[in-house]
């Protein structure tokens, strides 16, 4: 499994599998996996990760984009 930088908007697209950290889990660093439904960050990059809405309705900043190439 390859991974891509989640701080650059060009790497994050709707439908991709990602791991995000939700605001309430920033302290613990707990990651949530899900599919990107919508990108919420307007700028081309963000140092803490691109903010996305997952298909589950959860919002978080992308820590890893998971590319399925096994």
Protein backbone atom coordinates (compact mmCIF):
# COMPACT_ATOMS: atom_id res chain seq x y z
CA UNK A 1 0.00 0.00 0.00
CA UNK A 2 1.45 3.35 -1.06
CA UNK A 3 0.61 6.63 0.66
CA UNK A 4 0.53 10.25 -0.47
CA UNK A 5 0.94 13.57 1.34
CA UNK A 6 -2.43 14.81 2.63
CA UNK A 7 -1.29 18.43 3.04
CA UNK A 8 -1.46 19.14 -0.72
CA UNK A 9 -4.93 19.61 -2.20
CA UNK A 10 -3.93 18.17 -5.61
CA UNK A 11 -3.32 14.79 -3.91
CA UNK A 12 -6.80 14.64 -2.33
CA UNK A 13 -9.81 13.90 -4.54
CA UNK A 14 -13.43 12.90 -4.01
CA UNK A 15 -13.75 9.11 -3.75
CA UNK A 16 -10.24 8.45 -2.44
CA UNK A 17 -9.63 6.38 0.68
CA UNK A 18 -7.93 8.53 3.34
CA UNK A 19 -7.04 8.61 7.02
CA UNK A 20 -8.05 11.82 8.79
CA UNK A 21 -7.65 13.19 12.29
CA UNK A 22 -10.86 14.70 13.64
CA UNK A 23 -10.70 17.87 15.76
CA UNK A 24 -11.61 16.02 18.97
CA UNK A 25 -8.78 13.49 18.32
CA UNK A 26 -5.99 15.98 17.57
CA UNK A 27 -4.47 15.45 21.00
CA UNK A 28 -4.39 11.67 20.76
CA UNK A 29 -3.68 11.55 17.02
CA UNK A 30 -6.39 8.89 16.54
CA UNK A 31 -7.04 8.39 12.83
CA UNK A 32 -10.36 7.71 11.11
CA UNK A 33 -10.45 5.99 7.73
CA UNK A 34 -13.04 6.85 5.11
CA UNK A 35 -13.86 7.92 1.59
CA UNK A 36 -13.68 11.60 0.66
CA UNK A 37 -17.13 13.02 -0.11
CA UNK A 38 -16.14 16.71 -0.32
CA UNK A 39 -13.04 18.90 0.06
CA UNK A 40 -13.52 21.72 2.57
CA UNK A 41 -10.13 23.49 2.41
CA UNK A 42 -10.07 26.30 -0.15
CA UNK A 43 -6.29 26.82 -0.37
CA UNK A 44 -3.95 24.59 -2.42
CA UNK A 45 -2.21 23.29 0.70
CA UNK A 46 -2.49 23.29 4.50
CA UNK A 47 0.30 22.37 6.97
CA UNK A 48 -2.04 20.23 9.12
CA UNK A 49 -3.76 18.50 6.20
CA UNK A 50 -6.57 19.25 3.77
CA UNK A 51 -9.94 19.37 5.58
CA UNK A 52 -12.47 16.97 4.08
CA UNK A 53 -15.97 15.64 4.64
CA UNK A 54 -16.04 11.84 4.64
CA UNK A 55 -18.91 9.76 3.24
CA UNK A 56 -19.84 8.98 6.87
CA UNK A 57 -20.44 12.69 7.59
CA UNK A 58 -17.29 13.01 9.71
CA UNK A 59 -14.95 15.96 9.13
CA UNK A 60 -11.20 15.87 9.58
CA UNK A 61 -7.80 16.80 8.19
CA UNK A 62 -6.14 14.30 5.85
CA UNK A 63 -3.03 12.69 7.31
CA UNK A 64 -2.64 9.99 4.66
CA UNK A 65 -4.08 9.28 1.24
CA UNK A 66 -4.15 5.53 0.74
CA UNK A 67 -3.44 4.33 -2.78
CA UNK A 68 -4.52 0.75 -3.39
CA UNK A 69 -1.65 -0.71 -5.42
CA UNK A 70 -1.00 -4.16 -3.98
